[in-house]
Amino acid sequence: MKFPVVSIGEKTEGGQNALLTPLLQEGQLRIVLSWGSQPSDLDSHLVTPTIEGNSYHILYNSKGVSNRAPYVQLDVDDTSSYGPETTTVYARYPGKYYYYVHNFSEKGNSNSQGLTTSGAKVDVYSDKGLVKSYNVLLSGTGTYWQVFSYDGTTGEIETINNWFGRYHHAHRRQVVRRGWTNIL
């Protein structure tokens, strides 16, 4: 593999971070979360529509699989800053997928502002390349950042960009049915 090196005059810039990601096939989606040094542990979450009779919540302790339901996989749970954490949707199913970020470092502190200073960024890729990029909101409280929804039928991405303090797995159906509005 070859990698470009940034050179300015006689000075070479070292210590740069780079993200390499395999090409996607048509209909696939890749979501990449990266962040700064603090808080050290942010987590990617993806809630799926019903797939082959079940709905799934992809996160650090339930990473999914690529070749059978849910056809979604989280690559790694980074607990020591920066990321990236990459979630790939290998096969789309009808219905809405919901993506959000959890500040695991401050779990239980629903008034936390740690995400606002995290430098968190979410990049969304399709087979066409980068299709959306989100920077964390610079004001707000909560340990959850609702970033976007993804329509598995049309492939459309809808920006949500909102905060909430906590997530209860029992409310998962409300999340999908009501688009996050009644889980606070």
C-alpha atoms as a PDB file:
ATOM      1  CA  MET A   1       0.000   0.000   0.000  1.00  0.00           C
ATOM      2  CA  LYS A   2       1.086   3.541  -0.644  1.00  0.00           C
ATOM      3  CA  PHE A   3       0.236   6.480   1.585  1.00  0.00           C
ATOM      4  CA  PRO A   4       0.593  10.177   0.807  1.00  0.00           C
ATOM      5  CA  VAL A   5       2.914  12.274   2.946  1.00  0.00           C
ATOM      6  CA  VAL A   6       2.167  15.945   3.562  1.00  0.00           C
ATOM      7  CA  SER A   7       5.198  18.076   2.795  1.00  0.00           C
ATOM      8  CA  ILE A   8       5.396  21.853   3.201  1.00  0.00           C
ATOM      9  CA  GLY A   9       8.569  23.288   1.708  1.00  0.00           C
ATOM     10  CA  GLU A  10      11.433  21.465   3.367  1.00  0.00           C
ATOM     11  CA  LYS A  11       9.312  20.453   6.341  1.00  0.00           C
ATOM     12  CA  THR A  12       7.460  17.132   6.523  1.00  0.00           C
ATOM     13  CA  GLU A  13       4.436  17.058   8.804  1.00  0.00           C
ATOM     14  CA  GLY A  14       4.508  13.920  10.951  1.00  0.00           C
ATOM     15  CA  GLY A  15       2.211  12.603  13.620  1.00  0.00           C
ATOM     16  CA  GLN A  16      -0.894  12.861  11.462  1.00  0.00           C
ATOM     17  CA  ASN A  17      -3.876  10.582  12.002  1.00  0.00           C
ATOM     18  CA  ALA A  18      -5.307   8.838   8.960  1.00  0.00           C
ATOM     19  CA  LEU A  19      -8.348   6.659   8.453  1.00  0.00           C
ATOM     20  CA  LEU A  20      -8.279   3.915   5.845  1.00  0.00           C
ATOM     21  CA  THR A  21     -11.517   2.162   5.026  1.00  0.00           C
ATOM     22  CA  PRO A  22     -12.318  -0.527   2.436  1.00  0.00           C
ATOM     23  CA  LEU A  23     -14.550   0.375  -0.507  1.00  0.00           C
ATOM     24  CA  LEU A  24     -18.240  -0.283  -0.024  1.00  0.00           C
ATOM     25  CA  GLN A  25     -20.562  -2.150  -2.344  1.00  0.00           C
ATOM     26  CA  GLU A  26     -23.783  -0.573  -3.601  1.00  0.00           C
ATOM     27  CA  GLY A  27     -26.362  -0.316  -0.802  1.00  0.00           C
ATOM     28  CA  GLN A  28     -23.817  -0.546   2.012  1.00  0.00           C
ATOM     29  CA  LEU A  29     -23.235   2.207   4.570  1.00  0.00           C
ATOM     30  CA  ARG A  30     -20.278   2.906   6.858  1.00  0.00           C
ATOM     31  CA  ILE A  31     -20.478   5.150   9.934  1.00  0.00           C
ATOM     32  CA  VAL A  32     -17.182   6.294  11.457  1.00  0.00           C
ATOM     33  CA  LEU A  33     -17.012   7.916  14.908  1.00  0.00           C
ATOM     34  CA  SER A  34     -13.825   9.709  15.982  1.00  0.00           C
ATOM     35  CA  TRP A  35     -13.149  12.098  18.880  1.00  0.00           C
ATOM     36  CA  GLY A  36     -10.468  13.791  20.976  1.00  0.00           C
ATOM     37  CA  SER A  37      -8.693  12.738  24.152  1.00  0.00           C
ATOM     38  CA  GLN A  38     -11.519  13.540  26.586  1.00  0.00           C
ATOM     39  CA  PRO A  39     -13.853  11.951  27.403  1.00  0.00           C
ATOM     40  CA  SER A  40     -11.888   8.801  26.686  1.00  0.00           C
ATOM     41  CA  ASP A  41     -14.771   6.418  25.970  1.00  0.00           C
ATOM     42  CA  LEU A  42     -17.456   7.307  23.439  1.00  0.00           C
ATOM     43  CA  ASP A  43     -19.583   4.514  22.004  1.00  0.00           C
ATOM     44  CA  SER A  44     -21.332   4.054  18.664  1.00  0.00           C
ATOM     45  CA  HIS A  45     -24.920   2.793  18.770  1.00  0.00           C
ATOM     46  CA  LEU A  46     -27.116   1.765  15.855  1.00  0.00           C
ATOM     47  CA  VAL A  47     -30.718   0.648  16.359  1.00  0.00           C
ATOM     48  CA  THR A  48     -32.044  -1.314  13.378  1.00  0.00           C
ATOM     49  CA  PRO A  49     -35.522  -1.761  11.958  1.00  0.00           C
ATOM     50  CA  THR A  50     -37.018  -5.245  12.117  1.00  0.00           C
ATOM     51  CA  ILE A  51     -34.738  -7.613  10.211  1.00  0.00           C
ATOM     52  CA  GLU A  52     -35.887 -11.198   9.650  1.00  0.00           C
ATOM     53  CA  GLY A  53     -38.332 -10.900  12.560  1.00  0.00           C
ATOM     54  CA  ASN A  54     -36.053  -9.178  15.073  1.00  0.00           C
ATOM     55  CA  SER A  55     -34.744  -5.693  15.737  1.00  0.00           C
ATOM     56  CA  TYR A  56     -31.191  -5.135  16.914  1.00  0.00           C
ATOM     57  CA  HIS A  57     -29.190  -2.661  18.961  1.00  0.00           C
ATOM     58  CA  ILE A  58     -25.576  -2.633  17.774  1.00  0.00           C
ATOM     59  CA  LEU A  59     -23.141  -1.416  20.436  1.00  0.00           C
ATOM     60  CA  TYR A  60     -19.895  -2.328  22.244  1.00  0.00           C
ATOM     61  CA  ASN A  61     -21.233  -5.544  23.817  1.00  0.00           C
ATOM     62  CA  SER A  62     -23.458  -6.581  20.903  1.00  0.00           C
ATOM     63  CA  LYS A  63     -21.379  -5.894  17.790  1.00  0.00           C
ATOM     64  CA  GLY A  64     -23.549  -7.695  15.242  1.00  0.00           C
ATOM     65  CA  VAL A  65     -22.360  -9.737  12.263  1.00  0.00           C
ATOM     66  CA  SER A  66     -21.888  -8.990   8.585  1.00  0.00           C
ATOM     67  CA  ASN A  67     -23.089 -12.179   6.883  1.00  0.00           C
ATOM     68  CA  ARG A  68     -26.421 -12.835   8.643  1.00  0.00           C
ATOM     69  CA  ALA A  69     -29.014 -10.847  10.582  1.00  0.00           C
ATOM     70  CA  PRO A  70     -28.572  -8.023  11.475  1.00  0.00           C
ATOM     71  CA  TYR A  71     -26.091  -7.596   8.555  1.00  0.00           C
ATOM     72  CA  VAL A  72     -24.518  -4.768  10.578  1.00  0.00           C
ATOM     73  CA  GLN A  73     -21.219  -4.870  12.445  1.00  0.00           C
ATOM     74  CA  LEU A  74     -19.281  -2.617  14.824  1.00  0.00           C
ATOM     75  CA  ASP A  75     -15.565  -3.208  14.349  1.00  0.00           C
ATOM     76  CA  VAL A  76     -14.073  -2.267  17.722  1.00  0.00           C
ATOM     77  CA  ASP A  77     -14.951  -0.656  21.051  1.00  0.00           C
ATOM     78  CA  ASP A  78     -12.301   2.027  21.607  1.00  0.00           C
ATOM     79  CA  THR A  79     -12.143   2.908  25.314  1.00  0.00           C
ATOM     80  CA  SER A  80      -8.973   5.007  25.331  1.00  0.00           C
ATOM     81  CA  SER A  81      -9.745   8.098  23.219  1.00  0.00           C
ATOM     82  CA  TYR A  82      -9.762   9.136  19.572  1.00  0.00           C
ATOM     83  CA  GLY A  83     -11.470   6.133  17.955  1.00  0.00           C
ATOM     84  CA  PRO A  84     -12.333   5.393  15.305  1.00  0.00           C
ATOM     85  CA  GLU A  85     -15.301   3.149  15.939  1.00  0.00           C
ATOM     86  CA  THR A  86     -16.710   1.974  12.628  1.00  0.00           C
ATOM     87  CA  THR A  87     -20.196   0.547  12.118  1.00  0.00           C
ATOM     88  CA  THR A  88     -20.945  -0.970   8.719  1.00  0.00           C
ATOM     89  CA  VAL A  89     -24.396  -1.778   7.341  1.00  0.00           C
ATOM     90  CA  TYR A  90     -23.781  -4.635   4.901  1.00  0.00           C
ATOM     91  CA  ALA A  91     -27.392  -5.111   3.755  1.00  0.00           C
ATOM     92  CA  ARG A  92     -30.237  -2.581   3.989  1.00  0.00           C
ATOM     93  CA  TYR A  93     -33.655  -3.569   5.249  1.00  0.00           C
ATOM     94  CA  PRO A  94     -36.877  -1.541   5.002  1.00  0.00           C
ATOM     95  CA  GLY A  95     -37.471   0.817   7.912  1.00  0.00           C
ATOM     96  CA  LYS A  96     -35.435   3.298   9.898  1.00  0.00           C
ATOM     97  CA  TYR A  97     -32.001   2.828  11.394  1.00  0.00           C
ATOM     98  CA  TYR A  98     -31.116   5.235  14.218  1.00  0.00           C
ATOM     99  CA  TYR A  99     -27.519   6.192  14.998  1.00  0.00           C
ATOM    100  CA  TYR A 100     -26.358   7.844  18.193  1.00  0.00           C
ATOM    101  CA  VAL A 101     -23.236   8.325  20.294  1.00  0.00           C
ATOM    102  CA  HIS A 102     -23.011   7.612  24.031  1.00  0.00           C
ATOM    103  CA  ASN A 103     -20.488   9.249  26.365  1.00  0.00           C
ATOM    104  CA  PHE A 104     -19.753   6.046  28.284  1.00  0.00           C
ATOM    105  CA  SER A 105     -17.070   7.805  30.362  1.00  0.00           C
ATOM    106  CA  GLU A 106     -19.810   9.814  32.068  1.00  0.00           C
ATOM    107  CA  LYS A 107     -22.629   7.266  32.015  1.00  0.00           C
ATOM    108  CA  GLY A 108     -25.248   8.025  34.624  1.00  0.00           C
ATOM    109  CA  ASN A 109     -24.574  11.780  34.538  1.00  0.00           C
ATOM    110  CA  SER A 110     -27.541  12.947  32.471  1.00  0.00           C
ATOM    111  CA  ASN A 111     -26.447  16.595  32.922  1.00  0.00           C
ATOM    112  CA  SER A 112     -22.973  15.993  31.503  1.00  0.00           C
ATOM    113  CA  GLN A 113     -21.522  18.444  28.995  1.00  0.00           C
ATOM    114  CA  GLY A 114     -18.536  16.220  28.196  1.00  0.00           C
ATOM    115  CA  LEU A 115     -19.697  15.434  24.687  1.00  0.00           C
ATOM    116  CA  THR A 116     -19.725  19.141  23.782  1.00  0.00           C
ATOM    117  CA  THR A 117     -15.943  19.364  24.247  1.00  0.00           C
ATOM    118  CA  SER A 118     -15.092  15.898  22.916  1.00  0.00           C
ATOM    119  CA  GLY A 119     -14.436  16.965  19.336  1.00  0.00           C
ATOM    120  CA  ALA A 120     -16.636  14.051  18.279  1.00  0.00           C
ATOM    121  CA  LYS A 121     -17.209  13.687  14.569  1.00  0.00           C
ATOM    122  CA  VAL A 122     -19.360  11.210  12.667  1.00  0.00           C
ATOM    123  CA  ASP A 123     -18.655  10.574   8.993  1.00  0.00           C
ATOM    124  CA  VAL A 124     -21.096   8.562   6.893  1.00  0.00           C
ATOM    125  CA  TYR A 125     -19.930   6.802   3.731  1.00  0.00           C
ATOM    126  CA  SER A 126     -21.728   4.961   0.946  1.00  0.00           C
ATOM    127  CA  ASP A 127     -20.364   3.287  -2.168  1.00  0.00           C
ATOM    128  CA  LYS A 128     -20.196   6.836  -3.601  1.00  0.00           C
ATOM    129  CA  GLY A 129     -17.808   8.060  -0.866  1.00  0.00           C
ATOM    130  CA  LEU A 130     -18.431  10.493   2.002  1.00  0.00           C
ATOM    131  CA  VAL A 131     -22.136  11.438   2.019  1.00  0.00           C
ATOM    132  CA  LYS A 132     -22.592  13.199   5.391  1.00  0.00           C
ATOM    133  CA  SER A 133     -20.378  14.575   8.110  1.00  0.00           C
ATOM    134  CA  TYR A 134     -21.519  15.646  11.575  1.00  0.00           C
ATOM    135  CA  ASN A 135     -19.612  17.540  14.253  1.00  0.00           C
ATOM    136  CA  VAL A 136     -20.851  17.282  17.815  1.00  0.00           C
ATOM    137  CA  LEU A 137     -23.015  20.167  19.003  1.00  0.00           C
ATOM    138  CA  LEU A 138     -21.040  22.674  21.067  1.00  0.00           C
ATOM    139  CA  SER A 139     -23.790  23.253  23.604  1.00  0.00           C
ATOM    140  CA  GLY A 140     -26.219  21.001  25.389  1.00  0.00           C
ATOM    141  CA  THR A 141     -26.332  18.427  28.145  1.00  0.00           C
ATOM    142  CA  GLY A 142     -26.688  14.684  28.165  1.00  0.00           C
ATOM    143  CA  THR A 143     -24.626  11.590  27.614  1.00  0.00           C
ATOM    144  CA  TYR A 144     -26.369  10.673  24.353  1.00  0.00           C
ATOM    145  CA  TRP A 145     -26.050  12.521  21.060  1.00  0.00           C
ATOM    146  CA  GLN A 146     -28.731  11.538  18.555  1.00  0.00           C
ATOM    147  CA  VAL A 147     -27.007  12.049  15.228  1.00  0.00           C
ATOM    148  CA  PHE A 148     -29.211  10.822  12.362  1.00  0.00           C
ATOM    149  CA  SER A 149     -31.688   8.294  11.044  1.00  0.00           C
ATOM    150  CA  TYR A 150     -31.206   6.244   7.900  1.00  0.00           C
ATOM    151  CA  ASP A 151     -34.067   4.981   5.765  1.00  0.00           C
ATOM    152  CA  GLY A 152     -33.290   1.434   4.679  1.00  0.00           C
ATOM    153  CA  THR A 153     -35.792   1.646   1.830  1.00  0.00           C
ATOM    154  CA  THR A 154     -34.785   4.926   0.192  1.00  0.00           C
ATOM    155  CA  GLY A 155     -31.219   5.251   1.482  1.00  0.00           C
ATOM    156  CA  GLU A 156     -31.978   8.775   2.728  1.00  0.00           C
ATOM    157  CA  ILE A 157     -30.206  10.154   5.787  1.00  0.00           C
ATOM    158  CA  GLU A 158     -32.141  12.530   8.031  1.00  0.00           C
ATOM    159  CA  THR A 159     -30.219  14.743  10.452  1.00  0.00           C
ATOM    160  CA  ILE A 160     -31.502  14.666  14.051  1.00  0.00           C
ATOM    161  CA  ASN A 161     -28.631  16.336  16.003  1.00  0.00           C
ATOM    162  CA  ASN A 162     -30.172  16.323  19.472  1.00  0.00           C
ATOM    163  CA  TRP A 163     -29.268  15.423  23.076  1.00  0.00           C
ATOM    164  CA  PHE A 164     -30.820  13.223  25.689  1.00  0.00           C
ATOM    165  CA  GLY A 165     -29.749  12.214  29.159  1.00  0.00           C
ATOM    166  CA  ARG A 166     -30.279   8.480  29.200  1.00  0.00           C
ATOM    167  CA  TYR A 167     -31.505   5.595  27.099  1.00  0.00           C
ATOM    168  CA  HIS A 168     -33.599   2.723  28.355  1.00  0.00           C
ATOM    169  CA  HIS A 169     -33.631  -0.448  26.277  1.00  0.00           C
ATOM    170  CA  ALA A 170     -37.310  -0.825  27.191  1.00  0.00           C
ATOM    171  CA  HIS A 171     -37.975   2.329  25.149  1.00  0.00           C
ATOM    172  CA  ARG A 172     -36.395   0.922  21.997  1.00  0.00           C
ATOM    173  CA  ARG A 173     -39.775   0.519  20.265  1.00  0.00           C
ATOM    174  CA  GLN A 174     -40.683   4.114  21.123  1.00  0.00           C
ATOM    175  CA  VAL A 175     -37.401   5.240  19.569  1.00  0.00           C
ATOM    176  CA  VAL A 176     -38.256   3.598  16.265  1.00  0.00           C
ATOM    177  CA  ARG A 177     -41.954   4.467  16.241  1.00  0.00           C
ATOM    178  CA  ARG A 178     -41.675   8.038  17.384  1.00  0.00           C
ATOM    179  CA  GLY A 179     -38.277   9.061  16.101  1.00  0.00           C
ATOM    180  CA  TRP A 180     -36.758   9.676  19.564  1.00  0.00           C
ATOM    181  CA  THR A 181     -39.330  12.234  20.663  1.00  0.00           C
ATOM    182  CA  ASN A 182     -40.814  10.474  23.671  1.00  0.00           C
ATOM    183  CA  ILE A 183     -37.887   8.809  25.400  1.00  0.00           C
ATOM    184  CA  LEU A 184     -36.576  11.720  27.444  1.00  0.00           C
END
